[in-house]
């Protein structure tokens, strides 16, 4: 057993989501959103480097020695999976391990709105799940893939860096491909995917022009493409797709978004009211005729009003969902206040310390 696994096992026993290791401090656990140290000595540079090298492949060691961050999946002896990132900082090596549950999440257990399930029935187009790092994008996508896997006889191809949830094939065939292991990049994987007869393509991250362009091409040619971005609202997501492309392709991007975009789900994670878990709060955009027109006319900034009044179509602003979760006593009011855009809506629920910190 790799020595680092002892820290990972301890973290899971405590119910954490992430384990942080860094030179000069003890191991830290992410517990319901907060970072807490465990009772252990400060890690030395030699000690941590030894732990990390035990689990890196020869190729990963070479990549890390060149000064590059390394993303990979780590599986312990008992089959527990973690998404790992190893990096360098001013004091030396650092690493973060995120626990990936063995059981693939489903839409019901995640308490996601019904419109999310409806999105899984589309046969072509693009669905984007967005949010900052650590907001549960992968979990939401895994639940969507799980629903399609159980209900549709299709070929689903995932491109991830690294592979997170492993889906056993049910009605669907699931093909997992990992960037750096099976393909060199997301764009290479997408280019190959178009020759591999997929019905659904999951793109773990859409962050550059080539990947976004190929994903758009796949969505326009009869595939359902699911992807992630690190944008925090539906409006910012639309802007990000358009701005990622060169000026001569931006009109084409607007036309694509107005016709082939099926939904944007932007999310944050909030502490539950009990403090023993976290619940996703979602902003949801389902493009309709009015939204498509706003995109084509460069009036993306006006989309928010469509979300606010589009409840009948499954749409909602982030603040609307946060307020719903607070009034249903599903999430911590202070967390809702911190994540809200219009904080005045939440002042009656939040504690005085949060509203007026000293």
Protein backbone atom coordinates (compact mmCIF):
# COMPACT_ATOMS: atom_id res chain seq x y z
CA UNK A 1 0.00 0.00 0.00
CA UNK A 2 1.28 3.46 -0.89
CA UNK A 3 2.02 5.43 2.27
CA UNK A 4 -0.10 8.35 1.08
CA UNK A 5 -3.15 6.07 1.22
CA UNK A 6 -3.12 6.24 5.02
CA UNK A 7 -3.97 9.97 4.83
CA UNK A 8 -6.64 9.31 2.21
CA UNK A 9 -8.23 6.60 4.33
CA UNK A 10 -8.23 8.86 7.38
CA UNK A 11 -9.86 11.63 5.39
CA UNK A 12 -12.65 9.35 4.22
CA UNK A 13 -13.25 8.13 7.76
CA UNK A 14 -13.78 11.77 8.76
CA UNK A 15 -16.22 12.30 5.88
CA UNK A 16 -14.16 14.84 3.95
CA UNK A 17 -14.41 15.66 0.24
CA UNK A 18 -10.75 16.62 -0.33
CA UNK A 19 -7.36 15.93 1.26
CA UNK A 20 -4.69 18.64 0.91
CA UNK A 21 -0.99 17.90 1.34
CA UNK A 22 1.64 20.65 1.32
CA UNK A 23 5.17 21.21 2.57
CA UNK A 24 5.44 22.97 5.93
CA UNK A 25 1.95 22.24 7.26
CA UNK A 26 0.07 19.13 8.42
CA UNK A 27 -2.39 17.40 6.06
CA UNK A 28 -5.67 19.30 5.73
CA UNK A 29 -9.20 17.99 5.18
CA UNK A 30 -12.05 19.76 3.38
CA UNK A 31 -15.08 19.20 5.62
CA UNK A 32 -18.42 20.61 4.40
CA UNK A 33 -16.57 23.38 2.60
CA UNK A 34 -14.12 24.24 5.41
CA UNK A 35 -10.41 23.32 5.47
CA UNK A 36 -9.30 21.76 8.76
CA UNK A 37 -5.88 20.32 9.78
CA UNK A 38 -5.46 16.80 11.14
CA UNK A 39 -3.28 16.02 14.15
CA UNK A 40 0.00 15.29 12.40
CA UNK A 41 3.42 16.86 12.08
CA UNK A 42 4.25 19.43 9.41
CA UNK A 43 5.20 17.64 6.20
CA UNK A 44 8.78 18.09 5.02
CA UNK A 45 9.71 18.49 1.36
CA UNK A 46 11.55 15.14 1.23
CA UNK A 47 8.71 13.33 2.97
CA UNK A 48 5.97 14.63 0.70
CA UNK A 49 8.01 14.11 -2.49
CA UNK A 50 8.56 10.50 -1.45
CA UNK A 51 4.84 9.97 -0.87
CA UNK A 52 3.94 11.49 -4.23
CA UNK A 53 6.58 9.61 -6.24
CA UNK A 54 5.24 6.31 -4.96
CA UNK A 55 1.98 6.81 -6.87
CA UNK A 56 3.18 8.62 -10.02
CA UNK A 57 3.90 6.69 -13.20
CA UNK A 58 7.27 7.17 -14.88
CA UNK A 59 5.64 9.44 -17.48
CA UNK A 60 3.95 11.52 -14.77
CA UNK A 61 7.23 11.84 -12.85
CA UNK A 62 8.92 13.18 -16.00
CA UNK A 63 6.09 15.65 -16.56
CA UNK A 64 6.24 16.84 -12.96
CA UNK A 65 10.04 17.16 -13.08
CA UNK A 66 9.63 19.55 -16.04
CA UNK A 67 7.70 21.87 -13.74
CA UNK A 68 4.23 20.97 -14.98
CA UNK A 69 1.20 20.20 -12.82
CA UNK A 70 0.01 16.61 -13.06
CA UNK A 71 -3.65 15.56 -13.03
CA UNK A 72 -4.44 11.87 -12.63
CA UNK A 73 -6.76 9.39 -10.98
CA UNK A 74 -5.43 7.38 -8.04
CA UNK A 75 -6.97 4.09 -6.95
CA UNK A 76 -6.08 2.71 -3.52
CA UNK A 77 -5.59 -0.99 -2.80
CA UNK A 78 -9.21 -1.34 -1.68
CA UNK A 79 -10.50 0.19 -4.94
CA UNK A 80 -11.29 3.70 -3.64
CA UNK A 81 -10.86 6.32 -6.36
CA UNK A 82 -9.48 9.84 -6.07
CA UNK A 83 -8.94 12.65 -8.56
CA UNK A 84 -5.46 13.98 -7.86
CA UNK A 85 -3.59 17.15 -8.74
CA UNK A 86 0.11 17.52 -7.91
CA UNK A 87 1.78 20.91 -8.25
CA UNK A 88 4.70 23.06 -7.11
CA UNK A 89 4.48 26.26 -5.09
CA UNK A 90 6.88 28.58 -3.29
CA UNK A 91 7.43 26.24 -0.33
CA UNK A 92 7.67 23.04 -2.39
CA UNK A 93 5.34 20.29 -3.56
CA UNK A 94 1.60 20.37 -3.01
CA UNK A 95 -1.16 17.88 -3.78
CA UNK A 96 -4.95 17.71 -3.58
CA UNK A 97 -6.94 14.47 -3.63
CA UNK A 98 -10.70 14.56 -4.22
CA UNK A 99 -12.73 11.51 -3.27
CA UNK A 100 -14.78 9.98 -6.10
CA UNK A 101 -17.61 7.85 -4.70
CA UNK A 102 -17.75 4.31 -6.01
CA UNK A 103 -21.52 4.58 -6.36
CA UNK A 104 -22.43 6.73 -9.35
CA UNK A 105 -24.84 9.48 -8.17
CA UNK A 106 -28.35 9.69 -9.56
CA UNK A 107 -30.55 12.69 -10.21
CA UNK A 108 -33.04 11.86 -7.46
CA UNK A 109 -30.44 11.58 -4.70
CA UNK A 110 -28.86 14.87 -5.74
CA UNK A 111 -32.27 16.56 -5.46
CA UNK A 112 -31.86 18.26 -8.83
CA UNK A 113 -34.77 20.02 -10.57
CA UNK A 114 -36.87 17.89 -13.02
CA UNK A 115 -35.66 19.89 -16.02
CA UNK A 116 -32.23 18.27 -15.64
CA UNK A 117 -33.74 14.87 -16.38
CA UNK A 118 -35.55 16.29 -19.40
CA UNK A 119 -32.25 17.54 -20.80
CA UNK A 120 -30.94 13.95 -20.86
CA UNK A 121 -33.60 13.01 -23.44
CA UNK A 122 -32.17 15.20 -26.21
CA UNK A 123 -30.52 13.47 -29.16
CA UNK A 124 -28.36 16.33 -30.39
CA UNK A 125 -27.15 19.76 -29.39
CA UNK A 126 -25.02 21.03 -26.50
CA UNK A 127 -25.57 21.15 -22.74
CA UNK A 128 -23.08 23.03 -20.56
CA UNK A 129 -22.59 22.54 -16.82
CA UNK A 130 -20.59 25.40 -15.37
CA UNK A 131 -19.20 26.73 -12.12
CA UNK A 132 -15.99 27.35 -10.24
CA UNK A 133 -13.69 24.47 -9.31
CA UNK A 134 -15.21 22.25 -6.66
CA UNK A 135 -18.86 23.14 -7.25
CA UNK A 136 -19.99 19.64 -8.19
CA UNK A 137 -20.03 19.90 -11.99
CA UNK A 138 -18.63 16.38 -12.42
CA UNK A 139 -21.22 14.96 -10.03
CA UNK A 140 -24.12 16.58 -11.89
CA UNK A 141 -22.79 15.33 -15.23
CA UNK A 142 -22.25 11.84 -13.80
CA UNK A 143 -25.89 11.74 -12.67
CA UNK A 144 -27.05 12.83 -16.14
CA UNK A 145 -24.90 10.18 -17.81
CA UNK A 146 -26.20 7.59 -15.33
CA UNK A 147 -29.80 8.40 -16.26
CA UNK A 148 -29.06 8.09 -19.98
CA UNK A 149 -27.15 4.88 -19.32
CA UNK A 150 -30.17 3.35 -17.58
CA UNK A 151 -32.83 4.56 -20.02
CA UNK A 152 -31.39 4.76 -23.53
CA UNK A 153 -29.74 2.23 -25.87
CA UNK A 154 -26.97 4.50 -27.08
CA UNK A 155 -23.19 4.82 -27.30
CA UNK A 156 -21.80 7.28 -24.73
CA UNK A 157 -18.17 8.38 -24.99
CA UNK A 158 -16.52 10.37 -22.19
CA UNK A 159 -13.32 12.41 -22.47
CA UNK A 160 -11.93 13.34 -19.06
CA UNK A 161 -8.74 14.56 -17.41
CA UNK A 162 -8.65 12.37 -15.40
CA UNK A 163 -11.48 9.82 -15.48
CA UNK A 164 -13.64 10.28 -12.40
CA UNK A 165 -16.85 8.28 -12.10
CA UNK A 166 -16.66 4.90 -13.81
CA UNK A 167 -20.03 3.91 -15.27
CA UNK A 168 -20.76 0.21 -15.79
CA UNK A 169 -22.71 -0.18 -19.03
CA UNK A 170 -26.47 -0.70 -18.52
CA UNK A 171 -28.73 -0.10 -21.52
CA UNK A 172 -26.07 2.13 -23.04
CA UNK A 173 -22.50 1.35 -23.98
CA UNK A 174 -20.09 3.56 -22.01
CA UNK A 175 -16.59 4.23 -23.34
CA UNK A 176 -14.23 6.14 -21.01
CA UNK A 177 -11.16 7.83 -22.50
CA UNK A 178 -8.59 9.75 -20.46
CA UNK A 179 -6.57 12.71 -21.69
CA UNK A 180 -2.87 11.92 -21.34
CA UNK A 181 -3.50 8.17 -21.28
CA UNK A 182 -5.72 7.35 -24.26
CA UNK A 183 -5.60 10.67 -26.16
CA UNK A 184 -3.19 13.60 -26.08
CA UNK A 185 -5.78 16.35 -25.58
CA UNK A 186 -9.50 17.05 -25.45
CA UNK A 187 -9.38 18.30 -29.04
CA UNK A 188 -7.63 15.11 -30.23
CA UNK A 189 -10.19 13.03 -28.36
CA UNK A 190 -13.09 14.96 -29.91
CA UNK A 191 -11.62 14.66 -33.38
CA UNK A 192 -11.33 10.89 -32.92
CA UNK A 193 -14.78 10.65 -31.34
CA UNK A 194 -16.45 11.84 -34.52
CA UNK A 195 -15.19 8.63 -36.16
CA UNK A 196 -16.26 6.34 -33.30
CA UNK A 197 -20.05 6.44 -33.78
CA UNK A 198 -21.03 8.05 -30.45
CA UNK A 199 -24.52 9.28 -29.70
CA UNK A 200 -23.43 11.28 -26.64
CA UNK A 201 -20.02 12.85 -26.01
CA UNK A 202 -18.99 14.14 -22.59
CA UNK A 203 -16.14 16.66 -22.74
CA UNK A 204 -14.56 17.03 -19.29
CA UNK A 205 -13.46 20.61 -19.91
CA UNK A 206 -14.00 23.07 -22.76
CA UNK A 207 -11.32 25.71 -22.33
CA UNK A 208 -9.72 26.51 -25.70
CA UNK A 209 -10.79 27.52 -29.18
CA UNK A 210 -10.07 24.17 -30.83
CA UNK A 211 -11.97 22.10 -28.25
CA UNK A 212 -14.96 24.47 -28.29
CA UNK A 213 -15.05 24.52 -32.12
CA UNK A 214 -14.91 20.72 -32.36
CA UNK A 215 -17.58 20.35 -29.67
CA UNK A 216 -19.81 22.73 -31.63
CA UNK A 217 -19.19 20.74 -34.81
CA UNK A 218 -20.14 17.51 -33.02
CA UNK A 219 -23.33 19.08 -31.65
CA UNK A 220 -24.31 20.32 -35.11
CA UNK A 221 -23.74 16.93 -36.77
CA UNK A 222 -26.21 14.85 -34.81
CA UNK A 223 -24.51 14.29 -31.44
CA UNK A 224 -25.48 15.34 -27.94
CA UNK A 225 -22.44 17.06 -26.38
CA UNK A 226 -22.16 17.63 -22.64
CA UNK A 227 -19.33 19.86 -21.46
CA UNK A 228 -18.07 21.95 -18.57
CA UNK A 229 -16.74 25.48 -18.25
CA UNK A 230 -15.50 27.48 -15.28
CA UNK A 231 -18.02 30.28 -15.80
CA UNK A 232 -20.36 31.17 -12.95
CA UNK A 233 -23.58 32.31 -14.70
CA UNK A 234 -25.49 31.54 -17.88
CA UNK A 235 -24.71 34.98 -19.29
CA UNK A 236 -20.98 34.61 -18.64
CA UNK A 237 -21.09 31.17 -20.27
CA UNK A 238 -22.56 32.56 -23.49
CA UNK A 239 -19.96 35.34 -23.51
CA UNK A 240 -17.16 32.83 -22.85
CA UNK A 241 -18.10 30.63 -25.83
CA UNK A 242 -18.28 33.61 -28.17
CA UNK A 243 -15.09 35.27 -26.87
CA UNK A 244 -13.11 32.00 -27.09
CA UNK A 245 -13.37 32.05 -30.87
CA UNK A 246 -11.57 34.39 -33.30
CA UNK A 247 -13.55 37.40 -34.49
CA UNK A 248 -14.31 35.87 -37.90
CA UNK A 249 -16.09 32.91 -36.21
CA UNK A 250 -18.12 34.82 -33.63
CA UNK A 251 -21.21 35.29 -35.80
CA UNK A 252 -21.14 31.57 -36.46
CA UNK A 253 -20.88 30.95 -32.71
CA UNK A 254 -23.94 33.15 -32.04
CA UNK A 255 -25.93 31.23 -34.64
CA UNK A 256 -24.84 27.95 -33.07
CA UNK A 257 -25.80 29.06 -29.56
CA UNK A 258 -29.18 30.32 -30.76
CA UNK A 259 -30.06 27.02 -32.43
CA UNK A 260 -28.06 24.16 -30.89
CA UNK A 261 -27.57 25.10 -27.23
CA UNK A 262 -30.10 23.09 -25.21
CA UNK A 263 -29.25 24.24 -21.72
CA UNK A 264 -26.78 25.90 -19.36
CA UNK A 265 -26.59 24.76 -15.74
CA UNK A 266 -24.44 26.99 -13.51
CA UNK A 267 -23.97 25.80 -9.96
CA UNK A 268 -22.53 26.43 -6.52
CA UNK A 269 -22.37 24.14 -3.49
CA UNK A 270 -23.83 25.28 -0.18
CA UNK A 271 -23.70 23.71 3.25
CA UNK A 272 -26.90 21.93 4.16
CA UNK A 273 -28.95 23.35 7.01
CA UNK A 274 -27.69 20.54 9.26
CA UNK A 275 -24.06 21.29 8.34
CA UNK A 276 -23.42 17.62 7.53
CA UNK A 277 -23.30 17.82 3.76
CA UNK A 278 -23.62 20.09 0.76
CA UNK A 279 -26.42 20.81 -1.69
CA UNK A 280 -26.10 22.22 -5.20
CA UNK A 281 -27.88 25.46 -6.02
CA UNK A 282 -28.44 25.94 -9.73
CA UNK A 283 -28.98 28.70 -12.25
CA UNK A 284 -30.67 27.16 -15.29
CA UNK A 285 -31.09 28.56 -18.77
CA UNK A 286 -33.18 26.71 -21.38
CA UNK A 287 -32.85 28.70 -24.62
CA UNK A 288 -36.21 29.71 -26.09
CA UNK A 289 -37.08 31.98 -28.99
CA UNK A 290 -36.59 35.13 -26.91
CA UNK A 291 -33.18 34.05 -25.60
CA UNK A 292 -32.05 32.98 -29.07
CA UNK A 293 -32.98 36.41 -30.39
CA UNK A 294 -31.05 38.14 -27.59
CA UNK A 295 -27.94 36.08 -28.45
CA UNK A 296 -28.16 36.93 -32.14
CA UNK A 297 -28.70 40.63 -31.40
CA UNK A 298 -25.76 40.93 -28.96
CA UNK A 299 -28.11 41.50 -26.02
CA UNK A 300 -26.82 38.65 -23.88
CA UNK A 301 -26.83 40.90 -20.81
CA UNK A 302 -30.66 40.88 -20.95
CA UNK A 303 -30.95 37.09 -20.63
CA UNK A 304 -31.22 37.30 -16.83
CA UNK A 305 -34.77 38.68 -17.05
CA UNK A 306 -35.78 35.70 -19.20
CA UNK A 307 -34.44 33.31 -16.58
CA UNK A 308 -36.30 35.14 -13.84
CA UNK A 309 -39.65 34.79 -15.61
CA UNK A 310 -39.03 31.41 -17.25
CA UNK A 311 -40.01 29.08 -14.40
CA UNK A 312 -42.63 27.34 -16.54
CA UNK A 313 -39.81 26.23 -18.86
CA UNK A 314 -37.56 25.07 -16.02
CA UNK A 315 -35.46 28.24 -15.87
CA UNK A 316 -34.30 30.05 -12.75
CA UNK A 317 -31.73 32.54 -11.56
CA UNK A 318 -29.22 31.45 -8.95
CA UNK A 319 -30.77 33.76 -6.36
CA UNK A 320 -34.21 32.26 -6.98
CA UNK A 321 -32.97 28.74 -6.28
CA UNK A 322 -30.93 29.83 -3.27
CA UNK A 323 -34.02 31.53 -1.81
CA UNK A 324 -36.13 28.42 -2.45
CA UNK A 325 -33.56 26.21 -0.71
CA UNK A 326 -33.32 28.59 2.26
CA UNK A 327 -37.09 28.83 2.74
CA UNK A 328 -37.31 25.02 2.55
CA UNK A 329 -34.57 24.84 5.19
CA UNK A 330 -32.39 22.77 2.87
CA UNK A 331 -29.24 24.91 3.04
CA UNK A 332 -27.40 27.12 5.51
CA UNK A 333 -28.75 30.71 5.21
CA UNK A 334 -25.28 32.17 5.74
CA UNK A 335 -23.92 30.16 2.83
CA UNK A 336 -26.83 31.28 0.69
CA UNK A 337 -26.09 34.90 1.58
CA UNK A 338 -22.42 34.52 0.64
CA UNK A 339 -23.30 32.95 -2.74
CA UNK A 340 -26.14 35.31 -3.61
CA UNK A 341 -25.84 38.11 -6.14
CA UNK A 342 -28.57 40.27 -4.56
CA UNK A 343 -27.70 39.85 -0.90
CA UNK A 344 -30.58 42.01 0.32
CA UNK A 345 -32.92 39.09 -0.44
CA UNK A 346 -31.14 37.01 2.19
CA UNK A 347 -30.45 39.51 4.97
CA UNK A 348 -33.54 38.42 6.95
CA UNK A 349 -32.21 34.83 7.03
CA UNK A 350 -28.46 35.31 7.50
CA UNK A 351 -26.71 35.83 10.83
CA UNK A 352 -25.61 39.33 11.84
CA UNK A 353 -21.93 38.31 11.83
CA UNK A 354 -22.13 37.41 8.14
CA UNK A 355 -24.04 40.52 7.08
CA UNK A 356 -21.91 42.97 9.06
CA UNK A 357 -18.50 41.36 9.75
CA UNK A 358 -16.27 43.26 12.16
